[in-house]
Amino acid sequence: MQLPDPGLAARSLRAVWHPCTQMKHHERIPLLPIARGQGAWLYDTEGRRYLDGISSWWVNLFGHAHPAINAAVADQLGTLEHVMLAGCTHAPAVMLAERLSALTGGALGHAFFASDGASAVEIALKMSFHFWRNRGQAAKRDFVCIDNGYHGETLGALAVTDVALFRDAYGPLLRHAHRAPSPDARLAAPGESAADAAARALAGVATLFEARAGQLAAIIVEPLVQCAAGMAMHDPSYLRGLRELCDAYGVHLIADEIAVGFGRTGTFFAHEQAGIRPDFLCLSKGISGGYLPLSVVLSTNDIHDAFYADETARGFLHSHSYTGNPLACRAALATLDLFETTDAIARNRARFDVLEQALGALASHPRVAHLRRRGAILAFDVDDRARPGQPGFAQRYARHALAAGALLRPIGHTVYLMPPYILDDEEIAQLASATMIALEQTLHAS
């Protein structure tokens, strides 16, 4: 294999338009040219290594270049790399659909495959809208999203995303969605619990449903953690209340577990902690272990049956060329195998207990607030106090973290850790140390 080009970063700036990036910023913030990955580590073109503390945008579950996933993809590559899923089928897609359904106890028995998280959200929204039309209730066509929620950057997904940056840029292109209060536990008033904050948010949903249920198709929620909102965590009682309201008013519940599924919150699916099932479950990111683009929407028999008819127009009208790609499905199957053979979720509890203890000093840090954890996600908010003209906190912190040997990218003033599920004691200590070093250096330079 040819050695990486040492000028890779410069060439990338000339030729590649990087995602969700102001390219001009890279005049002063160098790109990180990655040559290879192994386990929890990424290696740049000069051989320096960085602990992947954010799982490469939350996708990598069992480390880079995992031998079991490598072997599964290589085996599949030798038999069937792709065939269209319209009019054809293949074993990896069937097996993956069956196994995912089994993980919901059969409650969500039908899998519709796509390529990425935003596409999964688009599918769930379209399915809900089309379901109500097929059932003769075409007036039910509006959607409800949660304050500060994020569901992707395609137009349908953006319409149910409440991020000011995106709404300011693309608002004229977007369909209106109703907003409901966030159950973010950080919004609890003095003396209130996280459950109290959730109850207040539910009251807002109830008011909206009572006024508009006849026009509402679905509400979409990120169960337990609104990740792009700065890892905003909420009490599971909120999900139980949503399920009850949706049942009472005839509104679909869409659970966007694109970021929080596959063990991230301490259970395989986040909604399990509330003892409920949604009508639609959107999955992506970790589904293939971070190997290949893949997403899926799981739905109930009731949803599926509303489309089952002789007329083509009553079928679900959505497709893309790589739907259910065999290579991606084999990577996902190998990832599911690793959950079973490594007892990953139980082991994560112990690993992240150690990580939380290693960062315990943050709880009394004068510039840190809301140190919090849900399963394998740990976060805290920072009082930055930057001087005028300085780059933002996230940029400055990320630079110091790289110097300390970790890839960490804060969201606004929120530092979060979401590493792969394989860290040993030494790597946990290294991640904790890099987190603290980067914090102190960032604040010291403010």
Protein backbone atom coordinates (compact mmCIF):
# COMPACT_ATOMS: atom_id res chain seq x y z
CA MET A 1 0.00 0.00 0.00
CA GLN A 2 1.29 3.46 -0.92
CA LEU A 3 2.23 5.72 2.00
CA PRO A 4 -0.18 8.60 2.67
CA ASP A 5 0.63 11.88 0.98
CA PRO A 6 2.12 14.28 3.56
CA GLY A 7 0.28 17.10 1.76
CA LEU A 8 -3.09 15.40 2.22
CA ALA A 9 -4.63 18.18 4.31
CA ALA A 10 -3.71 20.89 1.81
CA ARG A 11 -5.02 18.82 -1.08
CA SER A 12 -8.24 18.18 0.82
CA LEU A 13 -8.82 21.91 1.31
CA ARG A 14 -8.45 22.44 -2.42
CA ALA A 15 -10.67 19.55 -3.51
CA VAL A 16 -13.04 18.46 -0.72
CA TRP A 17 -15.96 20.48 0.65
CA HIS A 18 -16.09 19.28 4.24
CA PRO A 19 -19.46 18.71 5.94
CA CYS A 20 -21.15 21.34 8.10
CA THR A 21 -17.94 23.37 7.97
CA GLN A 22 -17.04 26.98 7.31
CA MET A 23 -14.11 26.21 5.02
CA LYS A 24 -12.45 29.58 5.67
CA HIS A 25 -11.91 28.57 9.31
CA HIS A 26 -9.34 26.07 8.11
CA GLU A 27 -7.05 28.93 7.23
CA ARG A 28 -6.22 28.94 10.96
CA ILE A 29 -7.48 25.53 12.11
CA PRO A 30 -5.57 22.75 10.37
CA LEU A 31 -7.34 19.64 9.16
CA LEU A 32 -6.34 16.41 10.88
CA PRO A 33 -5.11 14.03 8.15
CA ILE A 34 -5.88 10.49 9.31
CA ALA A 35 -3.95 7.59 7.81
CA ARG A 36 -5.37 4.63 9.73
CA GLY A 37 -7.37 3.52 12.74
CA GLN A 38 -6.84 0.69 15.20
CA GLY A 39 -8.98 -0.04 18.21
CA ALA A 40 -9.86 3.18 20.00
CA TRP A 41 -7.07 5.09 18.24
CA LEU A 42 -6.69 7.17 15.10
CA TYR A 43 -3.24 7.76 13.57
CA ASP A 44 -2.34 10.79 11.48
CA THR A 45 -0.03 10.84 8.48
CA GLU A 46 2.96 11.62 10.71
CA GLY A 47 2.28 8.70 13.04
CA ARG A 48 0.79 10.65 15.96
CA ARG A 49 -2.16 8.93 17.60
CA TYR A 50 -5.39 10.29 19.08
CA LEU A 51 -7.91 8.47 21.26
CA ASP A 52 -11.25 8.66 19.44
CA GLY A 53 -13.26 10.08 22.32
CA ILE A 54 -16.35 10.76 20.18
CA SER A 55 -16.42 7.51 18.17
CA SER A 56 -15.90 9.43 14.91
CA TRP A 57 -19.20 11.31 15.16
CA TRP A 58 -20.85 8.66 17.35
CA VAL A 59 -20.67 5.77 14.87
CA ASN A 60 -17.78 3.57 15.96
CA LEU A 61 -18.88 1.11 18.65
CA PHE A 62 -16.18 -1.57 18.87
CA GLY A 63 -13.11 0.24 17.66
CA HIS A 64 -11.51 0.83 14.29
CA ALA A 65 -10.46 -2.09 12.08
CA HIS A 66 -12.14 -4.67 14.29
CA PRO A 67 -11.08 -8.13 13.05
CA ALA A 68 -14.56 -9.69 13.32
CA ILE A 69 -16.28 -6.92 11.34
CA ASN A 70 -13.39 -6.84 8.87
CA ALA A 71 -13.80 -10.58 8.28
CA ALA A 72 -17.57 -10.36 7.82
CA VAL A 73 -17.33 -7.55 5.26
CA ALA A 74 -14.50 -9.29 3.42
CA ASP A 75 -16.50 -12.54 3.26
CA GLN A 76 -19.55 -10.71 1.94
CA LEU A 77 -17.42 -8.87 -0.62
CA GLY A 78 -16.47 -12.22 -2.11
CA THR A 79 -20.08 -13.31 -2.67
CA LEU A 80 -22.44 -10.37 -3.22
CA GLU A 81 -21.47 -6.71 -3.00
CA HIS A 82 -24.88 -5.30 -3.95
CA VAL A 83 -28.22 -6.05 -5.55
CA MET A 84 -31.26 -3.81 -5.65
CA LEU A 85 -33.81 -4.54 -2.94
CA ALA A 86 -36.76 -3.74 -5.22
CA GLY A 87 -37.91 -7.10 -6.57
CA CYS A 88 -34.89 -8.91 -5.08
CA THR A 89 -33.77 -9.88 -1.61
CA HIS A 90 -30.67 -11.33 0.04
CA ALA A 91 -29.77 -13.06 3.27
CA PRO A 92 -27.94 -10.20 5.07
CA ALA A 93 -30.94 -7.85 4.78
CA VAL A 94 -33.41 -10.52 5.85
CA MET A 95 -31.29 -11.66 8.78
CA LEU A 96 -30.68 -8.10 9.96
CA ALA A 97 -34.39 -7.21 9.78
CA GLU A 98 -35.25 -10.35 11.76
CA ARG A 99 -32.65 -9.72 14.44
CA LEU A 100 -33.58 -6.07 14.91
CA SER A 101 -37.24 -6.99 15.23
CA ALA A 102 -36.36 -9.66 17.79
CA LEU A 103 -34.53 -7.00 19.82
CA THR A 104 -37.87 -5.17 20.13
CA GLY A 105 -39.62 -8.37 21.22
CA GLY A 106 -41.30 -8.48 17.81
CA ALA A 107 -43.21 -5.26 18.52
CA LEU A 108 -41.54 -3.53 15.56
CA GLY A 109 -41.65 -6.23 12.93
CA HIS A 110 -40.92 -4.47 9.65
CA ALA A 111 -37.61 -2.91 8.57
CA PHE A 112 -37.25 -0.30 5.84
CA PHE A 113 -33.57 0.26 4.98
CA ALA A 114 -31.86 3.50 3.98
CA SER A 115 -28.37 4.97 4.04
CA ASP A 116 -28.12 7.56 6.84
CA GLY A 117 -29.92 9.04 9.80
CA ALA A 118 -31.59 11.93 8.03
CA SER A 119 -32.94 9.54 5.42
CA ALA A 120 -34.42 7.36 8.16
CA VAL A 121 -36.20 10.39 9.61
CA GLU A 122 -37.53 11.31 6.16
CA ILE A 123 -38.90 7.78 5.81
CA ALA A 124 -40.63 7.82 9.21
CA LEU A 125 -42.23 11.20 8.50
CA LYS A 126 -43.43 10.10 5.06
CA MET A 127 -44.72 6.79 6.41
CA SER A 128 -46.71 8.50 9.14
CA PHE A 129 -48.23 11.03 6.72
CA HIS A 130 -49.06 8.32 4.18
CA PHE A 131 -50.46 6.00 6.87
CA TRP A 132 -53.08 8.54 7.89
CA ARG A 133 -54.00 9.22 4.26
CA ASN A 134 -54.40 5.50 3.59
CA ARG A 135 -56.61 5.28 6.68
CA GLY A 136 -58.87 8.06 5.38
CA GLN A 137 -57.59 10.73 7.79
CA ALA A 138 -55.71 12.95 5.37
CA ALA A 139 -56.08 15.99 7.65
CA LYS A 140 -53.51 14.42 10.01
CA ARG A 141 -50.42 15.75 8.25
CA ASP A 142 -48.60 17.99 10.76
CA PHE A 143 -45.60 17.03 12.88
CA VAL A 144 -44.43 17.98 16.35
CA CYS A 145 -40.80 18.33 17.31
CA ILE A 146 -39.09 19.14 20.60
CA ASP A 147 -37.33 22.42 21.38
CA ASN A 148 -33.63 22.14 20.51
CA GLY A 149 -34.16 18.75 18.86
CA TYR A 150 -32.00 17.63 15.96
CA HIS A 151 -32.98 15.02 13.37
CA GLY A 152 -30.80 15.62 10.32
CA GLU A 153 -30.13 18.07 7.55
CA THR A 154 -32.25 16.98 4.61
CA LEU A 155 -35.31 19.18 4.15
CA GLY A 156 -37.88 16.96 5.86
CA ALA A 157 -35.55 16.22 8.75
CA LEU A 158 -34.63 19.90 9.07
CA ALA A 159 -38.31 20.79 9.28
CA VAL A 160 -38.50 18.89 12.59
CA THR A 161 -35.09 20.13 13.75
CA ASP A 162 -34.99 23.10 16.12
CA VAL A 163 -31.47 24.46 15.62
CA ALA A 164 -31.39 28.20 14.96
CA LEU A 165 -28.35 28.03 12.65
CA PHE A 166 -30.15 25.73 10.23
CA ARG A 167 -33.54 27.41 10.51
CA ASP A 168 -32.03 30.83 9.79
CA ALA A 169 -30.26 29.50 6.70
CA TYR A 170 -32.95 27.25 5.24
CA GLY A 171 -36.22 28.27 6.90
CA PRO A 172 -37.93 29.38 3.66
CA LEU A 173 -37.47 25.86 2.26
CA LEU A 174 -38.98 24.06 5.25
CA ARG A 175 -42.45 22.82 6.07
CA HIS A 176 -43.84 24.17 9.33
CA ALA A 177 -43.69 21.90 12.39
CA HIS A 178 -45.16 22.51 15.84
CA ARG A 179 -42.71 22.75 18.72
CA ALA A 180 -43.13 21.34 22.21
CA PRO A 181 -41.04 22.19 25.31
CA SER A 182 -37.83 20.27 25.91
CA PRO A 183 -37.68 17.95 28.94
CA ASP A 184 -33.98 18.85 29.42
CA ALA A 185 -33.20 18.19 33.08
CA ARG A 186 -30.98 21.29 33.13
CA LEU A 187 -34.20 23.34 32.91
CA ALA A 188 -35.37 22.14 36.31
CA ALA A 189 -36.02 25.02 38.69
CA PRO A 190 -34.36 25.05 42.13
CA GLY A 191 -35.88 22.26 44.18
CA GLU A 192 -37.24 20.46 41.10
CA SER A 193 -36.13 17.02 39.94
CA ALA A 194 -35.50 15.82 36.38
CA ALA A 195 -38.90 14.13 36.57
CA ASP A 196 -40.49 17.48 37.47
CA ALA A 197 -38.91 19.11 34.41
CA ALA A 198 -40.19 16.22 32.29
CA ALA A 199 -43.71 16.62 33.71
CA ARG A 200 -43.77 20.32 32.81
CA ALA A 201 -42.66 19.51 29.27
CA LEU A 202 -45.36 16.85 28.98
CA ALA A 203 -47.98 19.37 30.01
CA GLY A 204 -46.97 21.44 27.00
CA VAL A 205 -47.36 18.41 24.72
CA ALA A 206 -50.78 17.66 26.20
CA THR A 207 -51.97 21.21 25.53
CA LEU A 208 -50.79 21.00 21.92
CA PHE A 209 -52.37 17.58 21.37
CA GLU A 210 -55.67 18.67 22.86
CA ALA A 211 -55.84 21.65 20.50
CA ARG A 212 -54.58 20.00 17.31
CA ALA A 213 -54.79 16.19 17.49
CA GLY A 214 -57.01 16.09 14.42
CA GLN A 215 -54.20 17.63 12.37
CA LEU A 216 -51.21 15.87 13.96
CA ALA A 217 -49.60 12.85 12.31
CA ALA A 218 -46.65 12.28 14.64
CA ILE A 219 -44.30 13.64 17.28
CA ILE A 220 -40.57 12.92 16.96
CA VAL A 221 -38.24 12.68 19.93
CA GLU A 222 -34.66 11.72 20.74
CA PRO A 223 -35.15 9.34 23.69
CA LEU A 224 -33.26 10.18 26.88
CA VAL A 225 -30.56 12.38 25.27
CA GLN A 226 -30.94 15.26 22.81
CA CYS A 227 -27.38 14.93 21.58
CA ALA A 228 -26.92 17.94 19.29
CA ALA A 229 -28.59 20.14 21.92
CA GLY A 230 -25.48 19.72 24.07
CA MET A 231 -26.25 16.23 25.37
CA ALA A 232 -29.49 17.40 27.00
CA MET A 233 -30.63 14.47 29.14
CA HIS A 234 -34.14 13.83 30.43
CA ASP A 235 -35.98 11.51 32.75
CA PRO A 236 -37.49 8.30 31.26
CA SER A 237 -40.89 9.31 32.63
CA TYR A 238 -41.09 11.78 29.75
CA LEU A 239 -41.17 8.93 27.24
CA ARG A 240 -43.84 7.08 29.21
CA GLY A 241 -45.94 10.22 29.24
CA LEU A 242 -45.46 10.75 25.49
CA ARG A 243 -46.57 7.18 24.79
CA GLU A 244 -49.71 7.70 26.86
CA LEU A 245 -50.53 11.00 25.14
CA CYS A 246 -49.93 9.54 21.67
CA ASP A 247 -52.24 6.62 22.44
CA ALA A 248 -54.91 8.90 23.88
CA TYR A 249 -54.93 11.36 20.98
CA GLY A 250 -54.10 9.08 18.04
CA VAL A 251 -50.66 10.52 17.21
CA HIS A 252 -47.68 8.44 16.10
CA LEU A 253 -44.57 8.35 18.29
CA ILE A 254 -41.32 8.43 16.28
CA ALA A 255 -38.25 7.55 18.33
CA ASP A 256 -35.09 8.92 16.72
CA GLU A 257 -32.45 6.62 18.20
CA ILE A 258 -29.94 7.35 15.45
CA ALA A 259 -27.40 8.57 18.01
CA VAL A 260 -28.67 6.96 21.23
CA GLY A 261 -29.43 3.42 20.07
CA PHE A 262 -27.16 0.38 20.27
CA GLY A 263 -26.24 0.68 23.92
CA ARG A 264 -25.27 4.34 24.14
CA THR A 265 -27.69 5.12 26.98
CA GLY A 266 -27.10 1.93 28.97
CA THR A 267 -29.77 -0.26 27.35
CA PHE A 268 -29.74 -1.58 23.81
CA PHE A 269 -32.48 0.86 22.80
CA ALA A 270 -32.94 4.03 24.83
CA HIS A 271 -36.75 3.79 24.92
CA GLU A 272 -36.51 0.49 26.83
CA GLN A 273 -35.70 2.46 29.99
CA ALA A 274 -39.23 3.86 29.88
CA GLY A 275 -40.82 0.46 29.30
CA ILE A 276 -42.46 1.57 26.04
CA ARG A 277 -42.24 0.95 22.30
CA PRO A 278 -42.60 3.67 19.66
CA ASP A 279 -44.60 3.36 16.44
CA PHE A 280 -41.45 4.09 14.43
CA LEU A 281 -37.85 3.52 15.47
CA CYS A 282 -35.11 5.28 13.46
CA LEU A 283 -31.64 3.72 13.69
CA SER A 284 -28.30 4.53 12.07
CA LYS A 285 -24.77 5.61 13.16
CA GLY A 286 -23.61 2.65 15.28
CA ILE A 287 -25.74 0.12 13.41
CA SER A 288 -22.84 -0.96 11.19
CA GLY A 289 -20.17 -0.48 13.84
CA GLY A 290 -19.01 2.66 12.06
CA TYR A 291 -18.06 0.80 8.89
CA LEU A 292 -20.58 1.61 6.17
CA PRO A 293 -23.53 3.98 5.66
CA LEU A 294 -26.73 2.27 6.78
CA SER A 295 -29.98 3.21 8.48
CA VAL A 296 -33.29 1.51 9.13
CA VAL A 297 -36.80 2.42 10.21
CA LEU A 298 -38.59 -0.24 12.23
CA SER A 299 -42.38 -0.04 12.35
CA THR A 300 -45.35 -1.88 13.82
CA ASN A 301 -47.64 -4.34 12.06
CA ASP A 302 -50.39 -1.70 12.16
CA ILE A 303 -48.23 0.73 10.18
CA HIS A 304 -47.22 -1.92 7.65
CA ASP A 305 -50.78 -3.18 7.18
CA ALA A 306 -52.05 0.27 6.21
CA PHE A 307 -49.90 0.08 3.06
CA TYR A 308 -50.69 -3.53 2.15
CA ALA A 309 -53.11 -3.29 -0.79
CA ASP A 310 -53.52 -4.00 -4.50
CA GLU A 311 -53.08 -0.37 -5.51
CA THR A 312 -49.49 0.78 -6.10
CA ALA A 313 -50.36 4.25 -4.85
CA ARG A 314 -51.19 2.83 -1.41
CA GLY A 315 -47.72 1.32 -1.14
CA PHE A 316 -44.87 3.21 0.51
CA LEU A 317 -43.28 5.27 -2.23
CA HIS A 318 -39.64 5.60 -1.26
CA SER A 319 -36.39 4.08 -2.48
CA HIS A 320 -32.72 4.59 -3.15
CA SER A 321 -30.29 2.53 -5.17
CA TYR A 322 -28.27 1.15 -2.26
CA THR A 323 -31.19 0.26 0.01
CA GLY A 324 -30.24 -2.73 2.18
CA ASN A 325 -26.70 -2.97 0.78
CA PRO A 326 -25.35 -6.46 1.61
CA LEU A 327 -21.93 -5.22 2.74
CA ALA A 328 -23.46 -2.75 5.18
CA CYS A 329 -25.94 -5.36 6.45
CA ARG A 330 -23.12 -7.87 7.05
CA ALA A 331 -21.20 -5.25 9.00
CA ALA A 332 -24.34 -4.65 11.08
CA LEU A 333 -24.82 -8.37 11.70
CA ALA A 334 -21.20 -8.67 12.84
CA THR A 335 -21.76 -5.68 15.15
CA LEU A 336 -24.81 -7.35 16.70
CA ASP A 337 -22.73 -10.50 17.20
CA LEU A 338 -20.18 -8.47 19.16
CA PHE A 339 -22.86 -7.24 21.55
CA GLU A 340 -23.61 -10.87 22.37
CA THR A 341 -20.07 -12.26 22.51
CA THR A 342 -18.58 -9.39 24.53
CA ASP A 343 -21.57 -8.66 26.82
CA ALA A 344 -20.90 -5.07 25.79
CA ILE A 345 -23.70 -3.28 27.63
CA ALA A 346 -22.93 -4.83 31.01
CA ARG A 347 -19.21 -4.22 30.52
CA ASN A 348 -19.91 -0.62 29.55
CA ARG A 349 -21.53 0.04 32.91
CA ALA A 350 -18.30 -0.86 34.66
CA ARG A 351 -16.09 0.99 32.15
CA PHE A 352 -18.06 4.20 32.33
CA ASP A 353 -18.32 4.02 36.11
CA VAL A 354 -14.52 4.17 36.11
CA LEU A 355 -14.49 7.05 33.62
CA GLU A 356 -17.06 8.96 35.64
CA GLN A 357 -15.00 8.46 38.80
CA ALA A 358 -11.85 9.64 37.00
CA LEU A 359 -13.63 12.89 36.13
CA GLY A 360 -15.31 13.29 39.51
CA ALA A 361 -13.34 16.48 40.28
CA LEU A 362 -15.36 18.26 37.60
CA ALA A 363 -18.39 18.22 39.91
CA SER A 364 -16.76 20.91 42.09
CA HIS A 365 -14.92 22.78 39.34
CA PRO A 366 -15.84 26.49 39.54
CA ARG A 367 -16.27 26.81 35.77
CA VAL A 368 -18.16 23.54 35.20
CA ALA A 369 -21.88 22.91 35.56
CA HIS A 370 -24.26 20.00 35.04
CA LEU A 371 -21.80 17.11 35.07
CA ARG A 372 -24.05 14.31 33.86
CA ARG A 373 -24.06 10.81 32.46
CA ARG A 374 -26.52 8.51 30.78
CA GLY A 375 -25.05 5.07 30.12
CA ALA A 376 -22.03 5.48 27.86
CA ILE A 377 -22.46 9.24 27.34
CA LEU A 378 -20.81 11.68 29.74
CA ALA A 379 -21.07 15.48 29.43
CA PHE A 380 -20.54 18.76 31.26
CA ASP A 381 -21.09 22.46 30.50
CA VAL A 382 -18.32 25.05 30.73
CA ASP A 383 -18.43 28.73 31.67
CA ASP A 384 -15.97 29.94 29.03
CA ARG A 385 -15.50 33.71 29.58
CA ALA A 386 -13.51 34.05 26.36
CA ARG A 387 -11.91 37.34 25.40
CA PRO A 388 -13.46 39.23 22.47
CA GLY A 389 -12.08 38.09 19.14
CA GLN A 390 -11.05 34.66 20.36
CA PRO A 391 -12.20 31.56 18.45
CA GLY A 392 -15.17 29.78 20.00
CA PHE A 393 -14.79 27.52 23.00
CA ALA A 394 -15.40 24.36 20.97
CA GLN A 395 -12.62 25.18 18.50
CA ARG A 396 -10.13 26.09 21.20
CA TYR A 397 -10.95 23.05 23.34
CA ALA A 398 -10.70 20.66 20.37
CA ARG A 399 -7.25 22.00 19.53
CA HIS A 400 -5.99 21.52 23.10
CA ALA A 401 -7.53 18.04 23.24
CA LEU A 402 -5.65 17.00 20.10
CA ALA A 403 -2.43 18.25 21.64
CA ALA A 404 -3.24 16.07 24.66
CA GLY A 405 -3.81 13.04 22.41
CA ALA A 406 -7.61 12.86 22.12
CA LEU A 407 -10.17 13.62 19.43
CA LEU A 408 -12.90 15.60 21.25
CA ARG A 409 -15.30 18.12 19.67
CA PRO A 410 -17.50 20.06 22.11
CA ILE A 411 -20.98 21.17 21.12
CA GLY A 412 -21.06 24.86 21.95
CA HIS A 413 -19.93 25.06 25.59
CA THR A 414 -20.70 21.40 26.27
CA VAL A 415 -17.83 18.91 26.44
CA TYR A 416 -18.98 15.33 25.94
CA LEU A 417 -17.33 11.92 25.87
CA MET A 418 -18.79 9.15 23.74
CA PRO A 419 -15.90 6.76 23.04
CA PRO A 420 -16.01 3.21 21.63
CA TYR A 421 -17.04 0.37 23.92
CA ILE A 422 -13.57 -1.18 24.14
CA LEU A 423 -11.48 1.12 26.35
CA ASP A 424 -9.18 -0.57 28.83
CA ASP A 425 -8.18 0.98 32.16
CA GLU A 426 -5.16 2.73 30.68
CA GLU A 427 -7.19 4.22 27.84
CA ILE A 428 -9.88 5.38 30.25
CA ALA A 429 -7.21 7.13 32.29
CA GLN A 430 -5.74 8.69 29.15
CA LEU A 431 -9.13 9.96 28.01
CA ALA A 432 -9.89 11.44 31.41
CA SER A 433 -6.46 13.07 31.56
CA ALA A 434 -6.79 14.59 28.07
CA THR A 435 -10.26 15.89 28.96
CA MET A 436 -8.96 17.67 32.06
CA ILE A 437 -5.77 18.97 30.43
CA ALA A 438 -7.72 20.42 27.49
CA LEU A 439 -10.20 22.06 29.87
CA GLU A 440 -7.56 23.77 31.98
CA GLN A 441 -5.54 24.92 28.98
CA THR A 442 -8.62 26.28 27.25
CA LEU A 443 -9.77 28.19 30.34
CA HIS A 444 -6.25 29.40 31.16
CA ALA A 445 -5.97 30.94 27.70
CA SER A 446 -9.33 32.72 28.06
